[in-house]
Amino acid sequence: MTIQITKEMIANEICGHLCGIAESVQCSPSPELDDKFVIIKDWDNGQPLTATWAVILKGYHSYGGDDRFPEKTKIPAFISNNWERAERMYMKIKGI
């Protein structure tokens, strides 16, 4: 059995993950755009992958909101500029 992972699926998963982070801080004071948040705890040799609040908001606003229709997610430049890194992020988020 072969599973095909599309660019839309990758973007949908990453943006959905960023959307979850954005929603989790709704009850807190608004972060500054350059504040950093951990996206993936064990990214590179045990070091975390971080993103600024500005990037998290871009992912939040790009998320289509439905895993059944990943093509509705807009693909932001921070994903499309490096598909290899995006695929690695997808695999880490999915636990693959």
PDB file of N, CA and C in Angstrom:
ATOM      1  N   MET A   1       0.841  -1.175   0.000  1.00  0.00           N
ATOM      2  CA  MET A   1       0.000   0.000   0.000  1.00  0.00           C
ATOM      3  C   MET A   1       0.888   1.240   0.000  1.00  0.00           C
ATOM      4  N   THR A   2       0.569   2.187  -0.836  1.00  0.00           N
ATOM      5  CA  THR A   2       1.336   3.423  -0.946  1.00  0.00           C
ATOM      6  C   THR A   2       0.478   4.581  -0.449  1.00  0.00           C
ATOM      7  N   ILE A   3       1.103   5.429   0.338  1.00  0.00           N
ATOM      8  CA  ILE A   3       0.420   6.635   0.810  1.00  0.00           C
ATOM      9  C   ILE A   3       1.097   7.826   0.159  1.00  0.00           C
ATOM     10  N   GLN A   4       0.313   8.649  -0.488  1.00  0.00           N
ATOM     11  CA  GLN A   4       0.854   9.838  -1.132  1.00  0.00           C
ATOM     12  C   GLN A   4       0.574  11.040  -0.238  1.00  0.00           C
ATOM     13  N   ILE A   5       1.640  11.749   0.117  1.00  0.00           N
ATOM     14  CA  ILE A   5       1.515  12.959   0.919  1.00  0.00           C
ATOM     15  C   ILE A   5       1.681  14.143  -0.019  1.00  0.00           C
ATOM     16  N   THR A   6       0.668  14.984  -0.076  1.00  0.00           N
ATOM     17  CA  THR A   6       0.700  16.131  -0.981  1.00  0.00           C
ATOM     18  C   THR A   6       1.204  17.382  -0.253  1.00  0.00           C
ATOM     19  N   LYS A   7       1.573  18.370  -1.027  1.00  0.00           N
ATOM     20  CA  LYS A   7       2.001  19.643  -0.449  1.00  0.00           C
ATOM     21  C   LYS A   7       0.852  20.287   0.321  1.00  0.00           C
ATOM     22  N   GLU A   8      -0.361  20.104  -0.157  1.00  0.00           N
ATOM     23  CA  GLU A   8      -1.525  20.642   0.549  1.00  0.00           C
ATOM     24  C   GLU A   8      -1.682  19.988   1.918  1.00  0.00           C
ATOM     25  N   MET A   9      -1.448  18.681   1.986  1.00  0.00           N
ATOM     26  CA  MET A   9      -1.537  17.972   3.270  1.00  0.00           C
ATOM     27  C   MET A   9      -0.474  18.478   4.239  1.00  0.00           C
ATOM     28  N   ILE A  10       0.725  18.689   3.737  1.00  0.00           N
ATOM     29  CA  ILE A  10       1.819  19.187   4.574  1.00  0.00           C
ATOM     30  C   ILE A  10       1.475  20.573   5.112  1.00  0.00           C
ATOM     31  N   ALA A  11       1.049  21.470   4.233  1.00  0.00           N
ATOM     32  CA  ALA A  11       0.704  22.829   4.649  1.00  0.00           C
ATOM     33  C   ALA A  11      -0.463  22.823   5.621  1.00  0.00           C
ATOM     34  N   ASN A  12      -1.463  21.985   5.365  1.00  0.00           N
ATOM     35  CA  ASN A  12      -2.627  21.904   6.239  1.00  0.00           C
ATOM     36  C   ASN A  12      -2.226  21.470   7.649  1.00  0.00           C
ATOM     37  N   GLU A  13      -1.355  20.491   7.747  1.00  0.00           N
ATOM     38  CA  GLU A  13      -0.927  19.990   9.060  1.00  0.00           C
ATOM     39  C   GLU A  13      -0.115  21.042   9.811  1.00  0.00           C
ATOM     40  N   ILE A  14       0.827  21.668   9.131  1.00  0.00           N
ATOM     41  CA  ILE A  14       1.670  22.686   9.784  1.00  0.00           C
ATOM     42  C   ILE A  14       0.819  23.880  10.205  1.00  0.00           C
ATOM     43  N   CYS A  15      -0.029  24.375   9.305  1.00  0.00           N
ATOM     44  CA  CYS A  15      -0.868  25.531   9.640  1.00  0.00           C
ATOM     45  C   CYS A  15      -1.877  25.183  10.727  1.00  0.00           C
ATOM     46  N   GLY A  16      -2.387  23.962  10.715  1.00  0.00           N
ATOM     47  CA  GLY A  16      -3.290  23.517  11.776  1.00  0.00           C
ATOM     48  C   GLY A  16      -2.589  23.482  13.122  1.00  0.00           C
ATOM     49  N   HIS A  17      -1.338  23.049  13.130  1.00  0.00           N
ATOM     50  CA  HIS A  17      -0.531  23.016  14.355  1.00  0.00           C
ATOM     51  C   HIS A  17      -0.313  24.445  14.868  1.00  0.00           C
ATOM     52  N   LEU A  18       0.023  25.356  13.977  1.00  0.00           N
ATOM     53  CA  LEU A  18       0.228  26.754  14.360  1.00  0.00           C
ATOM     54  C   LEU A  18      -1.079  27.386  14.828  1.00  0.00           C
ATOM     55  N   CYS A  19      -2.183  26.998  14.220  1.00  0.00           N
ATOM     56  CA  CYS A  19      -3.496  27.488  14.627  1.00  0.00           C
ATOM     57  C   CYS A  19      -3.787  27.050  16.065  1.00  0.00           C
ATOM     58  N   GLY A  20      -3.455  25.816  16.393  1.00  0.00           N
ATOM     59  CA  GLY A  20      -3.647  25.322  17.753  1.00  0.00           C
ATOM     60  C   GLY A  20      -2.832  26.105  18.764  1.00  0.00           C
ATOM     61  N   ILE A  21      -1.605  26.442  18.400  1.00  0.00           N
ATOM     62  CA  ILE A  21      -0.763  27.251  19.285  1.00  0.00           C
ATOM     63  C   ILE A  21      -1.382  28.630  19.477  1.00  0.00           C
ATOM     64  N   ALA A  22      -1.836  29.236  18.385  1.00  0.00           N
ATOM     65  CA  ALA A  22      -2.448  30.575  18.463  1.00  0.00           C
ATOM     66  C   ALA A  22      -3.688  30.550  19.349  1.00  0.00           C
ATOM     67  N   GLU A  23      -4.500  29.531  19.201  1.00  0.00           N
ATOM     68  CA  GLU A  23      -5.720  29.443  20.002  1.00  0.00           C
ATOM     69  C   GLU A  23      -5.420  29.175  21.469  1.00  0.00           C
ATOM     70  N   SER A  24      -4.315  28.509  21.748  1.00  0.00           N
ATOM     71  CA  SER A  24      -3.987  28.186  23.144  1.00  0.00           C
ATOM     72  C   SER A  24      -3.562  29.402  23.956  1.00  0.00           C
ATOM     73  N   VAL A  25      -3.186  30.480  23.298  1.00  0.00           N
ATOM     74  CA  VAL A  25      -2.775  31.689  24.028  1.00  0.00           C
ATOM     75  C   VAL A  25      -3.829  32.792  23.977  1.00  0.00           C
ATOM     76  N   GLN A  26      -5.037  32.466  23.549  1.00  0.00           N
ATOM     77  CA  GLN A  26      -6.090  33.466  23.436  1.00  0.00           C
ATOM     78  C   GLN A  26      -6.437  34.128  24.767  1.00  0.00           C
ATOM     79  N   CYS A  27      -6.354  33.399  25.855  1.00  0.00           N
ATOM     80  CA  CYS A  27      -6.727  33.950  27.163  1.00  0.00           C
ATOM     81  C   CYS A  27      -5.588  34.729  27.806  1.00  0.00           C
ATOM     82  N   SER A  28      -4.437  34.745  27.184  1.00  0.00           N
ATOM     83  CA  SER A  28      -3.274  35.461  27.698  1.00  0.00           C
ATOM     84  C   SER A  28      -3.192  36.827  27.031  1.00  0.00           C
ATOM     85  N   PRO A  29      -2.370  37.704  27.586  1.00  0.00           N
ATOM     86  CA  PRO A  29      -2.139  38.969  26.883  1.00  0.00           C
ATOM     87  C   PRO A  29      -1.510  38.694  25.511  1.00  0.00           C
ATOM     88  N   SER A  30      -1.831  39.525  24.534  1.00  0.00           N
ATOM     89  CA  SER A  30      -1.313  39.321  23.179  1.00  0.00           C
ATOM     90  C   SER A  30       0.205  39.393  23.157  1.00  0.00           C
ATOM     91  N   PRO A  31       0.840  38.373  22.573  1.00  0.00           N
ATOM     92  CA  PRO A  31       2.303  38.407  22.451  1.00  0.00           C
ATOM     93  C   PRO A  31       2.745  39.467  21.442  1.00  0.00           C
ATOM     94  N   GLU A  32       3.987  39.867  21.553  1.00  0.00           N
ATOM     95  CA  GLU A  32       4.593  40.753  20.558  1.00  0.00           C
ATOM     96  C   GLU A  32       4.889  39.926  19.312  1.00  0.00           C
ATOM     97  N   LEU A  33       4.935  40.549  18.138  1.00  0.00           N
ATOM     98  CA  LEU A  33       5.154  39.820  16.887  1.00  0.00           C
ATOM     99  C   LEU A  33       6.483  39.090  16.836  1.00  0.00           C
ATOM    100  N   ASP A  34       7.484  39.571  17.578  1.00  0.00           N
ATOM    101  CA  ASP A  34       8.780  38.902  17.555  1.00  0.00           C
ATOM    102  C   ASP A  34       8.984  37.933  18.723  1.00  0.00           C
ATOM    103  N   ASP A  35       7.970  37.733  19.571  1.00  0.00           N
ATOM    104  CA  ASP A  35       8.054  36.724  20.625  1.00  0.00           C
ATOM    105  C   ASP A  35       8.153  35.345  19.995  1.00  0.00           C
ATOM    106  N   LYS A  36       8.961  34.475  20.590  1.00  0.00           N
ATOM    107  CA  LYS A  36       9.175  33.142  20.017  1.00  0.00           C
ATOM    108  C   LYS A  36       8.433  32.076  20.823  1.00  0.00           C
ATOM    109  N   PHE A  37       7.951  31.073  20.105  1.00  0.00           N
ATOM    110  CA  PHE A  37       7.234  29.947  20.691  1.00  0.00           C
ATOM    111  C   PHE A  37       7.838  28.659  20.156  1.00  0.00           C
ATOM    112  N   VAL A  38       7.830  27.617  20.979  1.00  0.00           N
ATOM    113  CA  VAL A  38       8.329  26.311  20.557  1.00  0.00           C
ATOM    114  C   VAL A  38       7.253  25.650  19.696  1.00  0.00           C
ATOM    115  N   ILE A  39       7.650  25.266  18.503  1.00  0.00           N
ATOM    116  CA  ILE A  39       6.737  24.594  17.573  1.00  0.00           C
ATOM    117  C   ILE A  39       6.893  23.077  17.686  1.00  0.00           C
ATOM    118  N   ILE A  40       8.145  22.625  17.704  1.00  0.00           N
ATOM    119  CA  ILE A  40       8.452  21.198  17.851  1.00  0.00           C
ATOM    120  C   ILE A  40       9.563  21.089  18.885  1.00  0.00           C
ATOM    121  N   LYS A  41       9.324  20.328  19.954  1.00  0.00           N
ATOM    122  CA  LYS A  41      10.287  20.258  21.064  1.00  0.00           C
ATOM    123  C   LYS A  41      11.609  19.619  20.660  1.00  0.00           C
ATOM    124  N   ASP A  42      11.555  18.480  19.999  1.00  0.00           N
ATOM    125  CA  ASP A  42      12.779  17.762  19.619  1.00  0.00           C
ATOM    126  C   ASP A  42      12.958  17.868  18.112  1.00  0.00           C
ATOM    127  N   TRP A  43      13.544  18.956  17.665  1.00  0.00           N
ATOM    128  CA  TRP A  43      13.681  19.199  16.235  1.00  0.00           C
ATOM    129  C   TRP A  43      15.031  18.761  15.698  1.00  0.00           C
ATOM    130  N   ASP A  44      16.105  19.316  16.211  1.00  0.00           N
ATOM    131  CA  ASP A  44      17.433  19.050  15.672  1.00  0.00           C
ATOM    132  C   ASP A  44      18.381  18.729  16.817  1.00  0.00           C
ATOM    133  N   ASN A  45      18.751  17.470  16.945  1.00  0.00           N
ATOM    134  CA  ASN A  45      19.636  17.024  18.029  1.00  0.00           C
ATOM    135  C   ASN A  45      19.115  17.449  19.395  1.00  0.00           C
ATOM    136  N   GLY A  46      17.816  17.298  19.599  1.00  0.00           N
ATOM    137  CA  GLY A  46      17.205  17.638  20.869  1.00  0.00           C
ATOM    138  C   GLY A  46      16.869  19.103  21.056  1.00  0.00           C
ATOM    139  N   GLN A  47      17.256  19.935  20.109  1.00  0.00           N
ATOM    140  CA  GLN A  47      16.953  21.364  20.188  1.00  0.00           C
ATOM    141  C   GLN A  47      15.550  21.628  19.630  1.00  0.00           C
ATOM    142  N   PRO A  48      14.840  22.608  20.192  1.00  0.00           N
ATOM    143  CA  PRO A  48      13.489  22.885  19.699  1.00  0.00           C
ATOM    144  C   PRO A  48      13.488  23.718  18.416  1.00  0.00           C
ATOM    145  N   LEU A  49      12.410  23.595  17.679  1.00  0.00           N
ATOM    146  CA  LEU A  49      12.151  24.465  16.538  1.00  0.00           C
ATOM    147  C   LEU A  49      11.224  25.558  17.045  1.00  0.00           C
ATOM    148  N   THR A  50      11.613  26.805  16.868  1.00  0.00           N
ATOM    149  CA  THR A  50      10.793  27.913  17.333  1.00  0.00           C
ATOM    150  C   THR A  50      10.310  28.749  16.158  1.00  0.00           C
ATOM    151  N   ALA A  51       9.270  29.512  16.416  1.00  0.00           N
ATOM    152  CA  ALA A  51       8.746  30.447  15.422  1.00  0.00           C
ATOM    153  C   ALA A  51       8.271  31.691  16.144  1.00  0.00           C
ATOM    154  N   THR A  52       8.319  32.792  15.454  1.00  0.00           N
ATOM    155  CA  THR A  52       7.833  34.036  16.038  1.00  0.00           C
ATOM    156  C   THR A  52       6.305  34.050  16.015  1.00  0.00           C
ATOM    157  N   TRP A  53       5.749  34.918  16.829  1.00  0.00           N
ATOM    158  CA  TRP A  53       4.301  35.074  16.862  1.00  0.00           C
ATOM    159  C   TRP A  53       3.778  35.500  15.489  1.00  0.00           C
ATOM    160  N   ALA A  54       4.547  36.284  14.758  1.00  0.00           N
ATOM    161  CA  ALA A  54       4.147  36.716  13.419  1.00  0.00           C
ATOM    162  C   ALA A  54       3.973  35.512  12.490  1.00  0.00           C
ATOM    163  N   VAL A  55       4.891  34.549  12.553  1.00  0.00           N
ATOM    164  CA  VAL A  55       4.795  33.341  11.718  1.00  0.00           C
ATOM    165  C   VAL A  55       3.605  32.498  12.163  1.00  0.00           C
ATOM    166  N   ILE A  56       3.405  32.392  13.469  1.00  0.00           N
ATOM    167  CA  ILE A  56       2.259  31.623  13.977  1.00  0.00           C
ATOM    168  C   ILE A  56       0.953  32.221  13.466  1.00  0.00           C
ATOM    169  N   LEU A  57       0.850  33.544  13.473  1.00  0.00           N
ATOM    170  CA  LEU A  57      -0.366  34.197  12.970  1.00  0.00           C
ATOM    171  C   LEU A  57      -0.555  33.965  11.472  1.00  0.00           C
ATOM    172  N   LYS A  58       0.549  33.939  10.714  1.00  0.00           N
ATOM    173  CA  LYS A  58       0.438  33.641   9.274  1.00  0.00           C
ATOM    174  C   LYS A  58      -0.128  32.236   9.069  1.00  0.00           C
ATOM    175  N   GLY A  59       0.373  31.276   9.852  1.00  0.00           N
ATOM    176  CA  GLY A  59      -0.148  29.916   9.773  1.00  0.00           C
ATOM    177  C   GLY A  59      -1.603  29.842  10.193  1.00  0.00           C
ATOM    178  N   TYR A  60      -1.952  30.568  11.244  1.00  0.00           N
ATOM    179  CA  TYR A  60      -3.328  30.615  11.741  1.00  0.00           C
ATOM    180  C   TYR A  60      -4.277  31.129  10.657  1.00  0.00           C
ATOM    181  N   HIS A  61      -3.888  32.197   9.990  1.00  0.00           N
ATOM    182  CA  HIS A  61      -4.751  32.799   8.975  1.00  0.00           C
ATOM    183  C   HIS A  61      -4.750  32.020   7.659  1.00  0.00           C
ATOM    184  N   SER A  62      -3.795  31.129   7.484  1.00  0.00           N
ATOM    185  CA  SER A  62      -3.739  30.321   6.262  1.00  0.00           C
ATOM    186  C   SER A  62      -4.495  29.006   6.400  1.00  0.00           C
ATOM    187  N   TYR A  63      -4.774  28.594   7.625  1.00  0.00           N
ATOM    188  CA  TYR A  63      -5.376  27.285   7.872  1.00  0.00           C
ATOM    189  C   TYR A  63      -6.795  27.229   7.339  1.00  0.00           C
ATOM    190  N   GLY A  64      -7.083  26.171   6.570  1.00  0.00           N
ATOM    191  CA  GLY A  64      -8.419  25.984   6.005  1.00  0.00           C
ATOM    192  C   GLY A  64      -9.427  25.480   7.008  1.00  0.00           C
ATOM    193  N   GLY A  65      -8.956  24.834   8.077  1.00  0.00           N
ATOM    194  CA  GLY A  65      -9.846  24.417   9.144  1.00  0.00           C
ATOM    195  C   GLY A  65     -10.500  23.066   8.995  1.00  0.00           C
ATOM    196  N   ASP A  66     -10.179  22.301   7.967  1.00  0.00           N
ATOM    197  CA  ASP A  66     -10.829  21.022   7.776  1.00  0.00           C
ATOM    198  C   ASP A  66      -9.844  20.020   7.198  1.00  0.00           C
ATOM    199  N   ASP A  67      -9.540  18.966   7.956  1.00  0.00           N
ATOM    200  CA  ASP A  67      -8.586  17.958   7.505  1.00  0.00           C
ATOM    201  C   ASP A  67      -9.094  17.164   6.294  1.00  0.00           C
ATOM    202  N   ARG A  68     -10.397  17.176   6.059  1.00  0.00           N
ATOM    203  CA  ARG A  68     -10.931  16.462   4.892  1.00  0.00           C
ATOM    204  C   ARG A  68     -10.654  17.202   3.599  1.00  0.00           C
ATOM    205  N   PHE A  69     -10.390  18.529   3.693  1.00  0.00           N
ATOM    206  CA  PHE A  69     -10.153  19.335   2.506  1.00  0.00           C
ATOM    207  C   PHE A  69      -8.885  20.157   2.669  1.00  0.00           C
ATOM    208  N   PRO A  70      -7.708  19.498   2.709  1.00  0.00           N
ATOM    209  CA  PRO A  70      -6.468  20.239   2.938  1.00  0.00           C
ATOM    210  C   PRO A  70      -6.158  21.260   1.845  1.00  0.00           C
ATOM    211  N   GLU A  71      -6.736  21.078   0.672  1.00  0.00           N
ATOM    212  CA  GLU A  71      -6.474  22.014  -0.425  1.00  0.00           C
ATOM    213  C   GLU A  71      -7.044  23.403  -0.140  1.00  0.00           C
ATOM    214  N   LYS A  72      -7.906  23.536   0.857  1.00  0.00           N
ATOM    215  CA  LYS A  72      -8.450  24.855   1.223  1.00  0.00           C
ATOM    216  C   LYS A  72      -7.460  25.670   2.044  1.00  0.00           C
ATOM    217  N   THR A  73      -6.407  25.024   2.536  1.00  0.00           N
ATOM    218  CA  THR A  73      -5.377  25.742   3.273  1.00  0.00           C
ATOM    219  C   THR A  73      -4.503  26.500   2.293  1.00  0.00           C
ATOM    220  N   LYS A  74      -4.305  27.784   2.563  1.00  0.00           N
ATOM    221  CA  LYS A  74      -3.369  28.573   1.753  1.00  0.00           C
ATOM    222  C   LYS A  74      -1.964  28.140   2.144  1.00  0.00           C
ATOM    223  N   ILE A  75      -1.050  28.097   1.194  1.00  0.00           N
ATOM    224  CA  ILE A  75       0.318  27.680   1.491  1.00  0.00           C
ATOM    225  C   ILE A  75       1.176  28.931   1.649  1.00  0.00           C
ATOM    226  N   PRO A  76       1.511  29.280   2.906  1.00  0.00           N
ATOM    227  CA  PRO A  76       2.310  30.487   3.125  1.00  0.00           C
ATOM    228  C   PRO A  76       3.763  30.296   2.681  1.00  0.00           C
ATOM    229  N   ALA A  77       4.438  31.401   2.433  1.00  0.00           N
ATOM    230  CA  ALA A  77       5.817  31.376   1.932  1.00  0.00           C
ATOM    231  C   ALA A  77       6.764  30.667   2.881  1.00  0.00           C
ATOM    232  N   PHE A  78       6.561  30.763   4.201  1.00  0.00           N
ATOM    233  CA  PHE A  78       7.491  30.106   5.114  1.00  0.00           C
ATOM    234  C   PHE A  78       7.447  28.590   4.968  1.00  0.00           C
ATOM    235  N   ILE A  79       6.413  28.056   4.339  1.00  0.00           N
ATOM    236  CA  ILE A  79       6.344  26.623   4.038  1.00  0.00           C
ATOM    237  C   ILE A  79       6.878  26.363   2.632  1.00  0.00           C
ATOM    238  N   SER A  80       6.380  27.094   1.651  1.00  0.00           N
ATOM    239  CA  SER A  80       6.732  26.813   0.257  1.00  0.00           C
ATOM    240  C   SER A  80       8.178  27.155  -0.086  1.00  0.00           C
ATOM    241  N   ASN A  81       8.830  27.980   0.714  1.00  0.00           N
ATOM    242  CA  ASN A  81      10.228  28.319   0.445  1.00  0.00           C
ATOM    243  C   ASN A  81      11.183  27.167   0.738  1.00  0.00           C
ATOM    244  N   ASN A  82      10.759  26.192   1.527  1.00  0.00           N
ATOM    245  CA  ASN A  82      11.633  25.069   1.867  1.00  0.00           C
ATOM    246  C   ASN A  82      10.777  23.827   2.108  1.00  0.00           C
ATOM    247  N   TRP A  83      10.462  23.105   1.030  1.00  0.00           N
ATOM    248  CA  TRP A  83       9.596  21.939   1.136  1.00  0.00           C
ATOM    249  C   TRP A  83      10.253  20.797   1.910  1.00  0.00           C
ATOM    250  N   GLU A  84      11.574  20.674   1.862  1.00  0.00           N
ATOM    251  CA  GLU A  84      12.241  19.609   2.618  1.00  0.00           C
ATOM    252  C   GLU A  84      12.041  19.817   4.114  1.00  0.00           C
ATOM    253  N   ARG A  85      12.223  21.062   4.577  1.00  0.00           N
ATOM    254  CA  ARG A  85      12.009  21.369   5.992  1.00  0.00           C
ATOM    255  C   ARG A  85      10.535  21.184   6.343  1.00  0.00           C
ATOM    256  N   ALA A  86       9.640  21.608   5.460  1.00  0.00           N
ATOM    257  CA  ALA A  86       8.206  21.462   5.707  1.00  0.00           C
ATOM    258  C   ALA A  86       7.820  19.990   5.832  1.00  0.00           C
ATOM    259  N   GLU A  87       8.407  19.149   4.992  1.00  0.00           N
ATOM    260  CA  GLU A  87       8.119  17.715   5.074  1.00  0.00           C
ATOM    261  C   GLU A  87       8.634  17.141   6.390  1.00  0.00           C
ATOM    262  N   ARG A  88       9.810  17.571   6.811  1.00  0.00           N
ATOM    263  CA  ARG A  88      10.344  17.135   8.114  1.00  0.00           C
ATOM    264  C   ARG A  88       9.420  17.562   9.253  1.00  0.00           C
ATOM    265  N   MET A  89       8.931  18.807   9.175  1.00  0.00           N
ATOM    266  CA  MET A  89       7.995  19.295  10.193  1.00  0.00           C
ATOM    267  C   MET A  89       6.732  18.440  10.202  1.00  0.00           C
ATOM    268  N   TYR A  90       6.205  18.145   9.044  1.00  0.00           N
ATOM    269  CA  TYR A  90       5.004  17.324   8.905  1.00  0.00           C
ATOM    270  C   TYR A  90       5.216  15.965   9.578  1.00  0.00           C
ATOM    271  N   MET A  91       6.356  15.359   9.281  1.00  0.00           N
ATOM    272  CA  MET A  91       6.654  14.034   9.845  1.00  0.00           C
ATOM    273  C   MET A  91       6.765  14.095  11.374  1.00  0.00           C
ATOM    274  N   LYS A  92       7.397  15.133  11.898  1.00  0.00           N
ATOM    275  CA  LYS A  92       7.530  15.287  13.359  1.00  0.00           C
ATOM    276  C   LYS A  92       6.159  15.514  14.010  1.00  0.00           C
ATOM    277  N   ILE A  93       5.357  16.398  13.408  1.00  0.00           N
ATOM    278  CA  ILE A  93       4.049  16.694  13.966  1.00  0.00           C
ATOM    279  C   ILE A  93       3.164  15.454  13.965  1.00  0.00           C
ATOM    280  N   LYS A  94       3.222  14.682  12.888  1.00  0.00           N
ATOM    281  CA  LYS A  94       2.413  13.473  12.757  1.00  0.00           C
ATOM    282  C   LYS A  94       3.012  12.288  13.523  1.00  0.00           C
ATOM    283  N   GLY A  95       4.248  12.410  13.987  1.00  0.00           N
ATOM    284  CA  GLY A  95       4.892  11.320  14.704  1.00  0.00           C
ATOM    285  C   GLY A  95       5.308  10.172  13.800  1.00  0.00           C
ATOM    286  N   ILE A  96       5.650  10.501  12.569  1.00  0.00           N
ATOM    287  CA  ILE A  96       6.045   9.472  11.589  1.00  0.00           C
ATOM    288  C   ILE A  96       7.544   9.332  11.591  1.00  0.00           C
TER     289      ILE A  96
END
